[in-house]
Amino acid sequence: MIELVEYIVKSLVIDEDSVKVTQTEDEGATIIHVFVAPDDMGRVIGRAGKIASSIRAIVNSVSSRQHKKVVVKFGE
């Protein structure tokens, strides 16, 4: 799952080297943290959060097939 998110985010940003994706477990859910350069944050979030919502929808679709709960959080 983390590889999928990293692939999507790296295809959106200009500075691919600054992309960092980590994964933690918390109360039965997997939390994926996405960190990018401040200049690229707008590209990842999108207007009104549409790109971020799309990334979350893709992750939820894949994780529901595996009967897991996955949350994607974005930060700088």
PDB file of N, CA and C in Angstrom:
ATOM      1  N   MET A   1       0.823  -1.193   0.000  1.00  0.00           N
ATOM      2  CA  MET A   1       0.000   0.000   0.000  1.00  0.00           C
ATOM      3  C   MET A   1       0.872   1.264   0.000  1.00  0.00           C
ATOM      4  N   ILE A   2       1.920   1.236   0.793  1.00  0.00           N
ATOM      5  CA  ILE A   2       2.789   2.401   0.893  1.00  0.00           C
ATOM      6  C   ILE A   2       3.476   2.683  -0.449  1.00  0.00           C
ATOM      7  N   GLU A   3       3.791   1.635  -1.205  1.00  0.00           N
ATOM      8  CA  GLU A   3       4.420   1.815  -2.509  1.00  0.00           C
ATOM      9  C   GLU A   3       3.462   2.485  -3.490  1.00  0.00           C
ATOM     10  N   LEU A   4       2.193   2.132  -3.410  1.00  0.00           N
ATOM     11  CA  LEU A   4       1.179   2.733  -4.276  1.00  0.00           C
ATOM     12  C   LEU A   4       1.067   4.235  -4.016  1.00  0.00           C
ATOM     13  N   VAL A   5       0.978   4.607  -2.754  1.00  0.00           N
ATOM     14  CA  VAL A   5       0.857   6.027  -2.392  1.00  0.00           C
ATOM     15  C   VAL A   5       2.107   6.784  -2.819  1.00  0.00           C
ATOM     16  N   GLU A   6       3.268   6.202  -2.584  1.00  0.00           N
ATOM     17  CA  GLU A   6       4.517   6.859  -2.965  1.00  0.00           C
ATOM     18  C   GLU A   6       4.595   7.062  -4.477  1.00  0.00           C
ATOM     19  N   TYR A   7       4.181   6.077  -5.247  1.00  0.00           N
ATOM     20  CA  TYR A   7       4.187   6.185  -6.707  1.00  0.00           C
ATOM     21  C   TYR A   7       3.267   7.314  -7.180  1.00  0.00           C
ATOM     22  N   ILE A   8       2.070   7.380  -6.618  1.00  0.00           N
ATOM     23  CA  ILE A   8       1.109   8.417  -7.017  1.00  0.00           C
ATOM     24  C   ILE A   8       1.637   9.808  -6.674  1.00  0.00           C
ATOM     25  N   VAL A   9       2.145   9.965  -5.457  1.00  0.00           N
ATOM     26  CA  VAL A   9       2.612  11.278  -5.013  1.00  0.00           C
ATOM     27  C   VAL A   9       3.834  11.717  -5.816  1.00  0.00           C
ATOM     28  N   LYS A  10       4.772  10.805  -6.066  1.00  0.00           N
ATOM     29  CA  LYS A  10       5.966  11.176  -6.830  1.00  0.00           C
ATOM     30  C   LYS A  10       5.626  11.578  -8.258  1.00  0.00           C
ATOM     31  N   SER A  11       4.542  11.032  -8.805  1.00  0.00           N
ATOM     32  CA  SER A  11       4.156  11.420 -10.158  1.00  0.00           C
ATOM     33  C   SER A  11       3.499  12.802 -10.193  1.00  0.00           C
ATOM     34  N   LEU A  12       3.113  13.322  -9.048  1.00  0.00           N
ATOM     35  CA  LEU A  12       2.453  14.630  -8.980  1.00  0.00           C
ATOM     36  C   LEU A  12       3.412  15.786  -8.696  1.00  0.00           C
ATOM     37  N   VAL A  13       4.483  15.538  -7.970  1.00  0.00           N
ATOM     38  CA  VAL A  13       5.342  16.616  -7.478  1.00  0.00           C
ATOM     39  C   VAL A  13       6.490  16.900  -8.436  1.00  0.00           C
ATOM     40  N   ILE A  14       7.146  18.039  -8.214  1.00  0.00           N
ATOM     41  CA  ILE A  14       8.322  18.409  -8.997  1.00  0.00           C
ATOM     42  C   ILE A  14       9.584  17.850  -8.328  1.00  0.00           C
ATOM     43  N   ASP A  15       9.691  18.015  -7.022  1.00  0.00           N
ATOM     44  CA  ASP A  15      10.858  17.562  -6.265  1.00  0.00           C
ATOM     45  C   ASP A  15      10.596  16.162  -5.704  1.00  0.00           C
ATOM     46  N   GLU A  16      10.868  15.143  -6.505  1.00  0.00           N
ATOM     47  CA  GLU A  16      10.596  13.762  -6.094  1.00  0.00           C
ATOM     48  C   GLU A  16      11.483  13.312  -4.935  1.00  0.00           C
ATOM     49  N   ASP A  17      12.663  13.919  -4.799  1.00  0.00           N
ATOM     50  CA  ASP A  17      13.582  13.525  -3.727  1.00  0.00           C
ATOM     51  C   ASP A  17      13.078  13.923  -2.345  1.00  0.00           C
ATOM     52  N   SER A  18      12.204  14.909  -2.270  1.00  0.00           N
ATOM     53  CA  SER A  18      11.703  15.359  -0.974  1.00  0.00           C
ATOM     54  C   SER A  18      10.491  14.555  -0.500  1.00  0.00           C
ATOM     55  N   VAL A  19       9.992  13.651  -1.312  1.00  0.00           N
ATOM     56  CA  VAL A  19       8.826  12.855  -0.934  1.00  0.00           C
ATOM     57  C   VAL A  19       9.241  11.800   0.079  1.00  0.00           C
ATOM     58  N   LYS A  20       8.515  11.767   1.194  1.00  0.00           N
ATOM     59  CA  LYS A  20       8.759  10.762   2.221  1.00  0.00           C
ATOM     60  C   LYS A  20       7.411  10.190   2.635  1.00  0.00           C
ATOM     61  N   VAL A  21       7.280   8.887   2.570  1.00  0.00           N
ATOM     62  CA  VAL A  21       6.037   8.218   2.932  1.00  0.00           C
ATOM     63  C   VAL A  21       6.351   7.214   4.024  1.00  0.00           C
ATOM     64  N   THR A  22       5.669   7.350   5.166  1.00  0.00           N
ATOM     65  CA  THR A  22       5.875   6.431   6.277  1.00  0.00           C
ATOM     66  C   THR A  22       4.560   5.774   6.647  1.00  0.00           C
ATOM     67  N   GLN A  23       4.668   4.689   7.396  1.00  0.00           N
ATOM     68  CA  GLN A  23       3.480   3.925   7.770  1.00  0.00           C
ATOM     69  C   GLN A  23       3.559   3.577   9.245  1.00  0.00           C
ATOM     70  N   THR A  24       2.439   3.775   9.964  1.00  0.00           N
ATOM     71  CA  THR A  24       2.351   3.388  11.366  1.00  0.00           C
ATOM     72  C   THR A  24       1.047   2.626  11.587  1.00  0.00           C
ATOM     73  N   GLU A  25       1.018   1.865  12.657  1.00  0.00           N
ATOM     74  CA  GLU A  25      -0.184   1.123  13.035  1.00  0.00           C
ATOM     75  C   GLU A  25      -0.779   1.789  14.273  1.00  0.00           C
ATOM     76  N   ASP A  26      -2.115   1.937  14.278  1.00  0.00           N
ATOM     77  CA  ASP A  26      -2.769   2.575  15.419  1.00  0.00           C
ATOM     78  C   ASP A  26      -4.183   2.028  15.575  1.00  0.00           C
ATOM     79  N   GLU A  27      -4.431   1.301  16.648  1.00  0.00           N
ATOM     80  CA  GLU A  27      -5.762   0.803  16.991  1.00  0.00           C
ATOM     81  C   GLU A  27      -6.468   0.111  15.829  1.00  0.00           C
ATOM     82  N   GLY A  28      -5.804  -0.830  15.209  1.00  0.00           N
ATOM     83  CA  GLY A  28      -6.427  -1.596  14.144  1.00  0.00           C
ATOM     84  C   GLY A  28      -6.446  -0.927  12.786  1.00  0.00           C
ATOM     85  N   ALA A  29      -5.866   0.242  12.676  1.00  0.00           N
ATOM     86  CA  ALA A  29      -5.823   0.953  11.396  1.00  0.00           C
ATOM     87  C   ALA A  29      -4.377   1.243  11.023  1.00  0.00           C
ATOM     88  N   THR A  30      -4.122   1.261   9.751  1.00  0.00           N
ATOM     89  CA  THR A  30      -2.812   1.638   9.240  1.00  0.00           C
ATOM     90  C   THR A  30      -2.880   3.098   8.825  1.00  0.00           C
ATOM     91  N   ILE A  31      -1.921   3.877   9.296  1.00  0.00           N
ATOM     92  CA  ILE A  31      -1.876   5.301   8.960  1.00  0.00           C
ATOM     93  C   ILE A  31      -0.669   5.536   8.070  1.00  0.00           C
ATOM     94  N   ILE A  32      -0.915   6.091   6.894  1.00  0.00           N
ATOM     95  CA  ILE A  32       0.153   6.420   5.957  1.00  0.00           C
ATOM     96  C   ILE A  32       0.344   7.929   5.985  1.00  0.00           C
ATOM     97  N   HIS A  33       1.549   8.359   6.350  1.00  0.00           N
ATOM     98  CA  HIS A  33       1.891   9.781   6.416  1.00  0.00           C
ATOM     99  C   HIS A  33       2.681  10.145   5.162  1.00  0.00           C
ATOM    100  N   VAL A  34       2.244  11.198   4.488  1.00  0.00           N
ATOM    101  CA  VAL A  34       2.898  11.655   3.260  1.00  0.00           C
ATOM    102  C   VAL A  34       3.494  13.033   3.527  1.00  0.00           C
ATOM    103  N   PHE A  35       4.818  13.146   3.311  1.00  0.00           N
ATOM    104  CA  PHE A  35       5.510  14.407   3.495  1.00  0.00           C
ATOM    105  C   PHE A  35       6.128  14.822   2.161  1.00  0.00           C
ATOM    106  N   VAL A  36       5.908  16.077   1.772  1.00  0.00           N
ATOM    107  CA  VAL A  36       6.479  16.619   0.534  1.00  0.00           C
ATOM    108  C   VAL A  36       7.040  18.005   0.818  1.00  0.00           C
ATOM    109  N   ALA A  37       7.757  18.553  -0.140  1.00  0.00           N
ATOM    110  CA  ALA A  37       8.287  19.915  -0.014  1.00  0.00           C
ATOM    111  C   ALA A  37       7.117  20.901   0.055  1.00  0.00           C
ATOM    112  N   PRO A  38       7.298  21.996   0.777  1.00  0.00           N
ATOM    113  CA  PRO A  38       6.207  22.982   0.884  1.00  0.00           C
ATOM    114  C   PRO A  38       5.695  23.485  -0.461  1.00  0.00           C
ATOM    115  N   ASP A  39       6.581  23.619  -1.445  1.00  0.00           N
ATOM    116  CA  ASP A  39       6.163  24.093  -2.768  1.00  0.00           C
ATOM    117  C   ASP A  39       5.297  23.080  -3.500  1.00  0.00           C
ATOM    118  N   ASP A  40       5.424  21.807  -3.163  1.00  0.00           N
ATOM    119  CA  ASP A  40       4.666  20.754  -3.830  1.00  0.00           C
ATOM    120  C   ASP A  40       3.366  20.385  -3.112  1.00  0.00           C
ATOM    121  N   MET A  41       3.149  20.927  -1.939  1.00  0.00           N
ATOM    122  CA  MET A  41       1.970  20.555  -1.163  1.00  0.00           C
ATOM    123  C   MET A  41       0.675  20.870  -1.918  1.00  0.00           C
ATOM    124  N   GLY A  42       0.627  21.985  -2.608  1.00  0.00           N
ATOM    125  CA  GLY A  42      -0.567  22.347  -3.375  1.00  0.00           C
ATOM    126  C   GLY A  42      -0.855  21.369  -4.503  1.00  0.00           C
ATOM    127  N   ARG A  43       0.182  20.818  -5.090  1.00  0.00           N
ATOM    128  CA  ARG A  43      -0.005  19.835  -6.159  1.00  0.00           C
ATOM    129  C   ARG A  43      -0.582  18.527  -5.615  1.00  0.00           C
ATOM    130  N   VAL A  44      -0.212  18.186  -4.401  1.00  0.00           N
ATOM    131  CA  VAL A  44      -0.678  16.934  -3.804  1.00  0.00           C
ATOM    132  C   VAL A  44      -2.095  17.083  -3.246  1.00  0.00           C
ATOM    133  N   ILE A  45      -2.399  18.225  -2.661  1.00  0.00           N
ATOM    134  CA  ILE A  45      -3.722  18.458  -2.088  1.00  0.00           C
ATOM    135  C   ILE A  45      -4.736  18.784  -3.182  1.00  0.00           C
ATOM    136  N   GLY A  46      -4.364  19.650  -4.109  1.00  0.00           N
ATOM    137  CA  GLY A  46      -5.266  20.025  -5.190  1.00  0.00           C
ATOM    138  C   GLY A  46      -6.274  21.070  -4.762  1.00  0.00           C
ATOM    139  N   ARG A  47      -7.034  21.566  -5.724  1.00  0.00           N
ATOM    140  CA  ARG A  47      -8.062  22.562  -5.420  1.00  0.00           C
ATOM    141  C   ARG A  47      -9.164  21.927  -4.600  1.00  0.00           C
ATOM    142  N   ALA A  48      -9.460  22.546  -3.492  1.00  0.00           N
ATOM    143  CA  ALA A  48     -10.505  22.082  -2.568  1.00  0.00           C
ATOM    144  C   ALA A  48     -10.257  20.646  -2.109  1.00  0.00           C
ATOM    145  N   GLY A  49      -8.992  20.208  -2.154  1.00  0.00           N
ATOM    146  CA  GLY A  49      -8.640  18.883  -1.663  1.00  0.00           C
ATOM    147  C   GLY A  49      -9.059  17.733  -2.561  1.00  0.00           C
ATOM    148  N   LYS A  50      -9.310  18.008  -3.826  1.00  0.00           N
ATOM    149  CA  LYS A  50      -9.810  16.959  -4.725  1.00  0.00           C
ATOM    150  C   LYS A  50      -8.767  15.879  -5.015  1.00  0.00           C
ATOM    151  N   ILE A  51      -7.518  16.255  -5.181  1.00  0.00           N
ATOM    152  CA  ILE A  51      -6.487  15.249  -5.455  1.00  0.00           C
ATOM    153  C   ILE A  51      -6.248  14.403  -4.210  1.00  0.00           C
ATOM    154  N   ALA A  52      -6.190  15.039  -3.045  1.00  0.00           N
ATOM    155  CA  ALA A  52      -6.018  14.285  -1.797  1.00  0.00           C
ATOM    156  C   ALA A  52      -7.180  13.323  -1.589  1.00  0.00           C
ATOM    157  N   SER A  53      -8.378  13.762  -1.884  1.00  0.00           N
ATOM    158  CA  SER A  53      -9.550  12.889  -1.762  1.00  0.00           C
ATOM    159  C   SER A  53      -9.479  11.727  -2.739  1.00  0.00           C
ATOM    160  N   SER A  54      -8.968  11.981  -3.924  1.00  0.00           N
ATOM    161  CA  SER A  54      -8.830  10.912  -4.913  1.00  0.00           C
ATOM    162  C   SER A  54      -7.800   9.879  -4.468  1.00  0.00           C
ATOM    163  N   ILE A  55      -6.686  10.347  -3.907  1.00  0.00           N
ATOM    164  CA  ILE A  55      -5.673   9.423  -3.393  1.00  0.00           C
ATOM    165  C   ILE A  55      -6.268   8.573  -2.279  1.00  0.00           C
ATOM    166  N   ARG A  56      -7.009   9.211  -1.383  1.00  0.00           N
ATOM    167  CA  ARG A  56      -7.647   8.465  -0.287  1.00  0.00           C
ATOM    168  C   ARG A  56      -8.667   7.461  -0.816  1.00  0.00           C
ATOM    169  N   ALA A  57      -9.400   7.827  -1.861  1.00  0.00           N
ATOM    170  CA  ALA A  57     -10.389   6.908  -2.433  1.00  0.00           C
ATOM    171  C   ALA A  57      -9.716   5.680  -3.044  1.00  0.00           C
ATOM    172  N   ILE A  58      -8.606   5.885  -3.728  1.00  0.00           N
ATOM    173  CA  ILE A  58      -7.870   4.757  -4.300  1.00  0.00           C
ATOM    174  C   ILE A  58      -7.368   3.837  -3.203  1.00  0.00           C
ATOM    175  N   VAL A  59      -6.791   4.422  -2.162  1.00  0.00           N
ATOM    176  CA  VAL A  59      -6.266   3.621  -1.045  1.00  0.00           C
ATOM    177  C   VAL A  59      -7.401   2.877  -0.347  1.00  0.00           C
ATOM    178  N   ASN A  60      -8.532   3.537  -0.137  1.00  0.00           N
ATOM    179  CA  ASN A  60      -9.668   2.871   0.506  1.00  0.00           C
ATOM    180  C   ASN A  60     -10.202   1.730  -0.338  1.00  0.00           C
ATOM    181  N   SER A  61     -10.203   1.896  -1.635  1.00  0.00           N
ATOM    182  CA  SER A  61     -10.676   0.840  -2.524  1.00  0.00           C
ATOM    183  C   SER A  61      -9.786  -0.397  -2.427  1.00  0.00           C
ATOM    184  N   VAL A  62      -8.493  -0.180  -2.467  1.00  0.00           N
ATOM    185  CA  VAL A  62      -7.560  -1.299  -2.378  1.00  0.00           C
ATOM    186  C   VAL A  62      -7.595  -1.936  -0.989  1.00  0.00           C
ATOM    187  N   SER A  63      -7.645  -1.109   0.045  1.00  0.00           N
ATOM    188  CA  SER A  63      -7.619  -1.654   1.409  1.00  0.00           C
ATOM    189  C   SER A  63      -8.906  -2.384   1.768  1.00  0.00           C
ATOM    190  N   SER A  64     -10.021  -1.981   1.210  1.00  0.00           N
ATOM    191  CA  SER A  64     -11.277  -2.674   1.518  1.00  0.00           C
ATOM    192  C   SER A  64     -11.277  -4.088   0.949  1.00  0.00           C
ATOM    193  N   ARG A  65     -10.585  -4.285  -0.152  1.00  0.00           N
ATOM    194  CA  ARG A  65     -10.464  -5.632  -0.713  1.00  0.00           C
ATOM    195  C   ARG A  65      -9.643  -6.535   0.204  1.00  0.00           C
ATOM    196  N   GLN A  66      -8.729  -5.928   0.961  1.00  0.00           N
ATOM    197  CA  GLN A  66      -7.883  -6.687   1.879  1.00  0.00           C
ATOM    198  C   GLN A  66      -8.464  -6.698   3.297  1.00  0.00           C
ATOM    199  N   HIS A  67      -9.655  -6.123   3.462  1.00  0.00           N
ATOM    200  CA  HIS A  67     -10.352  -6.049   4.751  1.00  0.00           C
ATOM    201  C   HIS A  67      -9.497  -5.360   5.814  1.00  0.00           C
ATOM    202  N   LYS A  68      -8.892  -4.229   5.419  1.00  0.00           N
ATOM    203  CA  LYS A  68      -8.078  -3.431   6.321  1.00  0.00           C
ATOM    204  C   LYS A  68      -8.564  -1.991   6.274  1.00  0.00           C
ATOM    205  N   LYS A  69      -8.263  -1.250   7.339  1.00  0.00           N
ATOM    206  CA  LYS A  69      -8.587   0.167   7.369  1.00  0.00           C
ATOM    207  C   LYS A  69      -7.282   0.937   7.234  1.00  0.00           C
ATOM    208  N   VAL A  70      -7.235   1.815   6.238  1.00  0.00           N
ATOM    209  CA  VAL A  70      -6.037   2.608   5.981  1.00  0.00           C
ATOM    210  C   VAL A  70      -6.429   4.078   5.902  1.00  0.00           C
ATOM    211  N   VAL A  71      -5.673   4.923   6.595  1.00  0.00           N
ATOM    212  CA  VAL A  71      -5.904   6.365   6.607  1.00  0.00           C
ATOM    213  C   VAL A  71      -4.667   7.045   6.016  1.00  0.00           C
ATOM    214  N   VAL A  72      -4.882   8.001   5.124  1.00  0.00           N
ATOM    215  CA  VAL A  72      -3.774   8.746   4.513  1.00  0.00           C
ATOM    216  C   VAL A  72      -3.798  10.164   5.063  1.00  0.00           C
ATOM    217  N   LYS A  73      -2.643  10.607   5.613  1.00  0.00           N
ATOM    218  CA  LYS A  73      -2.508  11.962   6.129  1.00  0.00           C
ATOM    219  C   LYS A  73      -1.381  12.662   5.399  1.00  0.00           C
ATOM    220  N   PHE A  74      -1.592  13.956   5.112  1.00  0.00           N
ATOM    221  CA  PHE A  74      -0.608  14.737   4.372  1.00  0.00           C
ATOM    222  C   PHE A  74      -0.005  15.798   5.277  1.00  0.00           C
ATOM    223  N   GLY A  75       1.307  16.030   5.152  1.00  0.00           N
ATOM    224  CA  GLY A  75       1.988  17.036   5.943  1.00  0.00           C
ATOM    225  C   GLY A  75       3.211  17.545   5.198  1.00  0.00           C
ATOM    226  N   GLU A  76       3.835  18.571   5.750  1.00  0.00           N
ATOM    227  CA  GLU A  76       5.046  19.143   5.115  1.00  0.00           C
ATOM    228  C   GLU A  76       6.263  18.669   5.837  1.00  0.00           C
TER     229      GLU A  76
END
